[in-house]
Amino acid sequence: MAKATAKITSKSQLVLPKAVREQLDVRPGDTLIFDYGPKGVRIEKAAIDDDPFATFHEWASEADDEAYRDL
């Protein structure tokens, strides 16, 4: 397993090293998942959701489905 380092800024930000960005195939705007526990942290690229309305869970009730079924 390869290693890379990054320094955390005073605003708790860090820049992913180029080798890590390339390994994860991430670009600006992508989302990362941090899976962490007592043994360490694993970082992976989040899957892209093809449904652009997936984040609007508050509009996902049966009443909404019925009201907008014919649109």
PDB file of N, CA and C in Angstrom:
ATOM      1  N   MET A   1       0.855  -1.186   0.000  1.00  0.00           N
ATOM      2  CA  MET A   1       0.000   0.000   0.000  1.00  0.00           C
ATOM      3  C   MET A   1       0.891   1.236   0.000  1.00  0.00           C
ATOM      4  N   ALA A   2       0.586   2.180  -0.869  1.00  0.00           N
ATOM      5  CA  ALA A   2       1.355   3.423  -0.968  1.00  0.00           C
ATOM      6  C   ALA A   2       0.951   4.380   0.153  1.00  0.00           C
ATOM      7  N   LYS A   3       1.800   5.353   0.426  1.00  0.00           N
ATOM      8  CA  LYS A   3       1.516   6.364   1.436  1.00  0.00           C
ATOM      9  C   LYS A   3       1.678   7.754   0.848  1.00  0.00           C
ATOM     10  N   ALA A   4       0.913   8.694   1.393  1.00  0.00           N
ATOM     11  CA  ALA A   4       1.021  10.101   1.010  1.00  0.00           C
ATOM     12  C   ALA A   4       0.728  10.927   2.246  1.00  0.00           C
ATOM     13  N   THR A   5       1.209  12.159   2.265  1.00  0.00           N
ATOM     14  CA  THR A   5       0.952  13.038   3.403  1.00  0.00           C
ATOM     15  C   THR A   5       0.272  14.317   2.937  1.00  0.00           C
ATOM     16  N   ALA A   6      -0.468  14.922   3.867  1.00  0.00           N
ATOM     17  CA  ALA A   6      -1.112  16.208   3.630  1.00  0.00           C
ATOM     18  C   ALA A   6      -1.193  16.930   4.966  1.00  0.00           C
ATOM     19  N   LYS A   7      -1.010  18.233   4.940  1.00  0.00           N
ATOM     20  CA  LYS A   7      -1.052  19.028   6.161  1.00  0.00           C
ATOM     21  C   LYS A   7      -2.420  19.681   6.288  1.00  0.00           C
ATOM     22  N   ILE A   8      -2.993  19.652   7.481  1.00  0.00           N
ATOM     23  CA  ILE A   8      -4.286  20.273   7.753  1.00  0.00           C
ATOM     24  C   ILE A   8      -4.062  21.756   8.032  1.00  0.00           C
ATOM     25  N   THR A   9      -4.869  22.614   7.390  1.00  0.00           N
ATOM     26  CA  THR A   9      -4.739  24.059   7.575  1.00  0.00           C
ATOM     27  C   THR A   9      -5.406  24.497   8.877  1.00  0.00           C
ATOM     28  N   SER A  10      -5.275  25.773   9.191  1.00  0.00           N
ATOM     29  CA  SER A  10      -5.913  26.317  10.396  1.00  0.00           C
ATOM     30  C   SER A  10      -7.430  26.261  10.304  1.00  0.00           C
ATOM     31  N   LYS A  11      -7.972  26.094   9.100  1.00  0.00           N
ATOM     32  CA  LYS A  11      -9.418  25.967   8.905  1.00  0.00           C
ATOM     33  C   LYS A  11      -9.849  24.503   8.804  1.00  0.00           C
ATOM     34  N   SER A  12      -8.971  23.593   9.222  1.00  0.00           N
ATOM     35  CA  SER A  12      -9.220  22.145   9.184  1.00  0.00           C
ATOM     36  C   SER A  12      -9.448  21.624   7.773  1.00  0.00           C
ATOM     37  N   GLN A  13      -8.811  22.245   6.789  1.00  0.00           N
ATOM     38  CA  GLN A  13      -8.900  21.796   5.411  1.00  0.00           C
ATOM     39  C   GLN A  13      -7.593  21.122   5.022  1.00  0.00           C
ATOM     40  N   LEU A  14      -7.661  20.291   3.988  1.00  0.00           N
ATOM     41  CA  LEU A  14      -6.437  19.712   3.463  1.00  0.00           C
ATOM     42  C   LEU A  14      -6.581  19.528   1.966  1.00  0.00           C
ATOM     43  N   VAL A  15      -5.460  19.438   1.300  1.00  0.00           N
ATOM     44  CA  VAL A  15      -5.433  19.179  -0.131  1.00  0.00           C
ATOM     45  C   VAL A  15      -5.051  17.719  -0.307  1.00  0.00           C
ATOM     46  N   LEU A  16      -5.873  16.977  -1.054  1.00  0.00           N
ATOM     47  CA  LEU A  16      -5.525  15.587  -1.332  1.00  0.00           C
ATOM     48  C   LEU A  16      -4.317  15.564  -2.259  1.00  0.00           C
ATOM     49  N   PRO A  17      -3.319  14.798  -1.915  1.00  0.00           N
ATOM     50  CA  PRO A  17      -2.165  14.708  -2.802  1.00  0.00           C
ATOM     51  C   PRO A  17      -2.574  14.186  -4.184  1.00  0.00           C
ATOM     52  N   LYS A  18      -1.837  14.595  -5.204  1.00  0.00           N
ATOM     53  CA  LYS A  18      -2.165  14.236  -6.579  1.00  0.00           C
ATOM     54  C   LYS A  18      -2.298  12.726  -6.759  1.00  0.00           C
ATOM     55  N   ALA A  19      -1.418  11.968  -6.157  1.00  0.00           N
ATOM     56  CA  ALA A  19      -1.472  10.509  -6.293  1.00  0.00           C
ATOM     57  C   ALA A  19      -2.784   9.947  -5.732  1.00  0.00           C
ATOM     58  N   VAL A  20      -3.266  10.531  -4.646  1.00  0.00           N
ATOM     59  CA  VAL A  20      -4.530  10.084  -4.039  1.00  0.00           C
ATOM     60  C   VAL A  20      -5.700  10.480  -4.935  1.00  0.00           C
ATOM     61  N   ARG A  21      -5.687  11.721  -5.443  1.00  0.00           N
ATOM     62  CA  ARG A  21      -6.748  12.159  -6.362  1.00  0.00           C
ATOM     63  C   ARG A  21      -6.818  11.253  -7.583  1.00  0.00           C
ATOM     64  N   GLU A  22      -5.664  10.909  -8.108  1.00  0.00           N
ATOM     65  CA  GLU A  22      -5.636  10.035  -9.276  1.00  0.00           C
ATOM     66  C   GLU A  22      -6.126   8.629  -8.940  1.00  0.00           C
ATOM     67  N   GLN A  23      -5.726   8.114  -7.797  1.00  0.00           N
ATOM     68  CA  GLN A  23      -6.143   6.767  -7.382  1.00  0.00           C
ATOM     69  C   GLN A  23      -7.657   6.699  -7.192  1.00  0.00           C
ATOM     70  N   LEU A  24      -8.235   7.752  -6.603  1.00  0.00           N
ATOM     71  CA  LEU A  24      -9.682   7.789  -6.374  1.00  0.00           C
ATOM     72  C   LEU A  24     -10.457   8.283  -7.595  1.00  0.00           C
ATOM     73  N   ASP A  25      -9.751   8.809  -8.578  1.00  0.00           N
ATOM     74  CA  ASP A  25     -10.359   9.405  -9.768  1.00  0.00           C
ATOM     75  C   ASP A  25     -11.367  10.488  -9.378  1.00  0.00           C
ATOM     76  N   VAL A  26     -10.920  11.420  -8.525  1.00  0.00           N
ATOM     77  CA  VAL A  26     -11.799  12.499  -8.074  1.00  0.00           C
ATOM     78  C   VAL A  26     -11.446  13.812  -8.749  1.00  0.00           C
ATOM     79  N   ARG A  27     -12.469  14.614  -8.893  1.00  0.00           N
ATOM     80  CA  ARG A  27     -12.351  15.932  -9.516  1.00  0.00           C
ATOM     81  C   ARG A  27     -13.087  16.947  -8.639  1.00  0.00           C
ATOM     82  N   PRO A  28     -12.884  18.238  -8.853  1.00  0.00           N
ATOM     83  CA  PRO A  28     -13.625  19.240  -8.079  1.00  0.00           C
ATOM     84  C   PRO A  28     -15.134  18.995  -8.175  1.00  0.00           C
ATOM     85  N   GLY A  29     -15.785  19.042  -7.030  1.00  0.00           N
ATOM     86  CA  GLY A  29     -17.229  18.813  -6.971  1.00  0.00           C
ATOM     87  C   GLY A  29     -17.619  17.393  -6.612  1.00  0.00           C
ATOM     88  N   ASP A  30     -16.676  16.438  -6.718  1.00  0.00           N
ATOM     89  CA  ASP A  30     -16.981  15.064  -6.333  1.00  0.00           C
ATOM     90  C   ASP A  30     -17.136  14.967  -4.819  1.00  0.00           C
ATOM     91  N   THR A  31     -17.810  13.924  -4.372  1.00  0.00           N
ATOM     92  CA  THR A  31     -18.033  13.703  -2.945  1.00  0.00           C
ATOM     93  C   THR A  31     -17.224  12.497  -2.495  1.00  0.00           C
ATOM     94  N   LEU A  32     -16.621  12.610  -1.322  1.00  0.00           N
ATOM     95  CA  LEU A  32     -15.856  11.515  -0.736  1.00  0.00           C
ATOM     96  C   LEU A  32     -16.590  10.976   0.479  1.00  0.00           C
ATOM     97  N   ILE A  33     -16.410   9.689   0.729  1.00  0.00           N
ATOM     98  CA  ILE A  33     -16.956   9.041   1.913  1.00  0.00           C
ATOM     99  C   ILE A  33     -15.784   8.705   2.830  1.00  0.00           C
ATOM    100  N   PHE A  34     -15.901   9.063   4.098  1.00  0.00           N
ATOM    101  CA  PHE A  34     -14.889   8.747   5.097  1.00  0.00           C
ATOM    102  C   PHE A  34     -15.463   7.663   6.005  1.00  0.00           C
ATOM    103  N   ASP A  35     -14.919   6.455   5.903  1.00  0.00           N
ATOM    104  CA  ASP A  35     -15.336   5.330   6.732  1.00  0.00           C
ATOM    105  C   ASP A  35     -14.282   5.205   7.825  1.00  0.00           C
ATOM    106  N   TYR A  36     -14.661   5.511   9.062  1.00  0.00           N
ATOM    107  CA  TYR A  36     -13.653   5.555  10.114  1.00  0.00           C
ATOM    108  C   TYR A  36     -14.064   4.742  11.332  1.00  0.00           C
ATOM    109  N   GLY A  37     -13.071   4.302  12.067  1.00  0.00           N
ATOM    110  CA  GLY A  37     -13.269   3.522  13.275  1.00  0.00           C
ATOM    111  C   GLY A  37     -11.982   3.485  14.062  1.00  0.00           C
ATOM    112  N   PRO A  38     -11.920   2.635  15.049  1.00  0.00           N
ATOM    113  CA  PRO A  38     -10.744   2.597  15.918  1.00  0.00           C
ATOM    114  C   PRO A  38      -9.454   2.183  15.207  1.00  0.00           C
ATOM    115  N   LYS A  39      -9.551   1.502  14.070  1.00  0.00           N
ATOM    116  CA  LYS A  39      -8.353   1.051  13.371  1.00  0.00           C
ATOM    117  C   LYS A  39      -7.870   2.023  12.306  1.00  0.00           C
ATOM    118  N   GLY A  40      -8.626   3.111  12.042  1.00  0.00           N
ATOM    119  CA  GLY A  40      -8.178   4.082  11.051  1.00  0.00           C
ATOM    120  C   GLY A  40      -9.314   4.611  10.200  1.00  0.00           C
ATOM    121  N   VAL A  41      -8.943   5.195   9.065  1.00  0.00           N
ATOM    122  CA  VAL A  41      -9.899   5.839   8.163  1.00  0.00           C
ATOM    123  C   VAL A  41      -9.690   5.294   6.756  1.00  0.00           C
ATOM    124  N   ARG A  42     -10.799   5.028   6.078  1.00  0.00           N
ATOM    125  CA  ARG A  42     -10.761   4.640   4.673  1.00  0.00           C
ATOM    126  C   ARG A  42     -11.528   5.698   3.890  1.00  0.00           C
ATOM    127  N   ILE A  43     -10.951   6.169   2.801  1.00  0.00           N
ATOM    128  CA  ILE A  43     -11.584   7.199   1.971  1.00  0.00           C
ATOM    129  C   ILE A  43     -11.920   6.579   0.632  1.00  0.00           C
ATOM    130  N   GLU A  44     -13.151   6.820   0.181  1.00  0.00           N
ATOM    131  CA  GLU A  44     -13.542   6.342  -1.142  1.00  0.00           C
ATOM    132  C   GLU A  44     -14.418   7.382  -1.822  1.00  0.00           C
ATOM    133  N   LYS A  45     -14.463   7.314  -3.120  1.00  0.00           N
ATOM    134  CA  LYS A  45     -15.293   8.223  -3.905  1.00  0.00           C
ATOM    135  C   LYS A  45     -16.742   7.756  -3.810  1.00  0.00           C
ATOM    136  N   ALA A  46     -17.648   8.697  -3.552  1.00  0.00           N
ATOM    137  CA  ALA A  46     -19.061   8.364  -3.486  1.00  0.00           C
ATOM    138  C   ALA A  46     -19.593   8.110  -4.885  1.00  0.00           C
ATOM    139  N   ALA A  47     -20.508   7.169  -4.985  1.00  0.00           N
ATOM    140  CA  ALA A  47     -21.140   6.874  -6.271  1.00  0.00           C
ATOM    141  C   ALA A  47     -22.019   8.046  -6.687  1.00  0.00           C
ATOM    142  N   ILE A  48     -22.110   8.253  -7.988  1.00  0.00           N
ATOM    143  CA  ILE A  48     -22.962   9.312  -8.523  1.00  0.00           C
ATOM    144  C   ILE A  48     -24.376   8.776  -8.617  1.00  0.00           C
ATOM    145  N   ASP A  49     -25.310   9.503  -8.039  1.00  0.00           N
ATOM    146  CA  ASP A  49     -26.718   9.106  -8.099  1.00  0.00           C
ATOM    147  C   ASP A  49     -27.321   9.683  -9.371  1.00  0.00           C
ATOM    148  N   ASP A  50     -27.883   8.812 -10.197  1.00  0.00           N
ATOM    149  CA  ASP A  50     -28.457   9.253 -11.468  1.00  0.00           C
ATOM    150  C   ASP A  50     -29.768  10.014 -11.312  1.00  0.00           C
ATOM    151  N   ASP A  51     -30.385   9.945 -10.135  1.00  0.00           N
ATOM    152  CA  ASP A  51     -31.655  10.619  -9.903  1.00  0.00           C
ATOM    153  C   ASP A  51     -31.383  12.012  -9.348  1.00  0.00           C
ATOM    154  N   PRO A  52     -31.571  13.075 -10.148  1.00  0.00           N
ATOM    155  CA  PRO A  52     -31.264  14.424  -9.665  1.00  0.00           C
ATOM    156  C   PRO A  52     -32.202  14.873  -8.543  1.00  0.00           C
ATOM    157  N   PHE A  53     -33.317  14.179  -8.331  1.00  0.00           N
ATOM    158  CA  PHE A  53     -34.251  14.560  -7.286  1.00  0.00           C
ATOM    159  C   PHE A  53     -34.112  13.690  -6.040  1.00  0.00           C
ATOM    160  N   ALA A  54     -33.102  12.842  -5.988  1.00  0.00           N
ATOM    161  CA  ALA A  54     -32.929  11.935  -4.856  1.00  0.00           C
ATOM    162  C   ALA A  54     -32.730  12.681  -3.539  1.00  0.00           C
ATOM    163  N   THR A  55     -32.174  13.876  -3.589  1.00  0.00           N
ATOM    164  CA  THR A  55     -31.947  14.631  -2.356  1.00  0.00           C
ATOM    165  C   THR A  55     -33.209  15.277  -1.821  1.00  0.00           C
ATOM    166  N   PHE A  56     -34.282  15.291  -2.624  1.00  0.00           N
ATOM    167  CA  PHE A  56     -35.532  15.905  -2.188  1.00  0.00           C
ATOM    168  C   PHE A  56     -36.435  14.875  -1.521  1.00  0.00           C
ATOM    169  N   HIS A  57     -35.918  14.229  -0.485  1.00  0.00           N
ATOM    170  CA  HIS A  57     -36.668  13.167   0.182  1.00  0.00           C
ATOM    171  C   HIS A  57     -37.942  13.666   0.840  1.00  0.00           C
ATOM    172  N   GLU A  58     -38.022  14.974   1.120  1.00  0.00           N
ATOM    173  CA  GLU A  58     -39.235  15.499   1.756  1.00  0.00           C
ATOM    174  C   GLU A  58     -40.423  15.502   0.793  1.00  0.00           C
ATOM    175  N   TRP A  59     -40.151  15.276  -0.502  1.00  0.00           N
ATOM    176  CA  TRP A  59     -41.228  15.216  -1.492  1.00  0.00           C
ATOM    177  C   TRP A  59     -41.465  13.783  -1.952  1.00  0.00           C
ATOM    178  N   ALA A  60     -41.143  12.835  -1.124  1.00  0.00           N
ATOM    179  CA  ALA A  60     -41.212  11.440  -1.526  1.00  0.00           C
ATOM    180  C   ALA A  60     -42.336  10.677  -0.830  1.00  0.00           C
ATOM    181  N   SER A  61     -43.384  11.370  -0.428  1.00  0.00           N
ATOM    182  CA  SER A  61     -44.481  10.678   0.246  1.00  0.00           C
ATOM    183  C   SER A  61     -45.464  10.108  -0.774  1.00  0.00           C
ATOM    184  N   GLU A  62     -46.305   9.194  -0.325  1.00  0.00           N
ATOM    185  CA  GLU A  62     -47.344   8.637  -1.201  1.00  0.00           C
ATOM    186  C   GLU A  62     -48.308   9.725  -1.664  1.00  0.00           C
ATOM    187  N   ALA A  63     -48.601  10.705  -0.797  1.00  0.00           N
ATOM    188  CA  ALA A  63     -49.487  11.802  -1.166  1.00  0.00           C
ATOM    189  C   ALA A  63     -48.894  12.617  -2.314  1.00  0.00           C
ATOM    190  N   ASP A  64     -47.609  12.855  -2.286  1.00  0.00           N
ATOM    191  CA  ASP A  64     -46.938  13.573  -3.366  1.00  0.00           C
ATOM    192  C   ASP A  64     -46.978  12.777  -4.659  1.00  0.00           C
ATOM    193  N   ASP A  65     -46.698  11.482  -4.549  1.00  0.00           N
ATOM    194  CA  ASP A  65     -46.747  10.622  -5.736  1.00  0.00           C
ATOM    195  C   ASP A  65     -48.124  10.677  -6.367  1.00  0.00           C
ATOM    196  N   GLU A  66     -49.171  10.612  -5.572  1.00  0.00           N
ATOM    197  CA  GLU A  66     -50.540  10.667  -6.070  1.00  0.00           C
ATOM    198  C   GLU A  66     -50.852  12.023  -6.695  1.00  0.00           C
ATOM    199  N   ALA A  67     -50.445  13.089  -6.038  1.00  0.00           N
ATOM    200  CA  ALA A  67     -50.756  14.432  -6.508  1.00  0.00           C
ATOM    201  C   ALA A  67     -50.082  14.755  -7.843  1.00  0.00           C
ATOM    202  N   TYR A  68     -48.881  14.219  -8.060  1.00  0.00           N
ATOM    203  CA  TYR A  68     -48.126  14.561  -9.259  1.00  0.00           C
ATOM    204  C   TYR A  68     -48.046  13.421 -10.273  1.00  0.00           C
ATOM    205  N   ARG A  69     -48.851  12.391 -10.104  1.00  0.00           N
ATOM    206  CA  ARG A  69     -48.792  11.214 -10.955  1.00  0.00           C
ATOM    207  C   ARG A  69     -49.034  11.556 -12.436  1.00  0.00           C
ATOM    208  N   ASP A  70     -49.944  12.468 -12.740  1.00  0.00           N
ATOM    209  CA  ASP A  70     -50.321  12.762 -14.120  1.00  0.00           C
ATOM    210  C   ASP A  70     -49.485  13.852 -14.785  1.00  0.00           C
ATOM    211  N   LEU A  71     -48.485  14.362 -14.128  1.00  0.00           N
ATOM    212  CA  LEU A  71     -47.668  15.417 -14.729  1.00  0.00           C
ATOM    213  C   LEU A  71     -46.693  14.874 -15.735  1.00  0.00           C
TER     214      LEU A  71
END
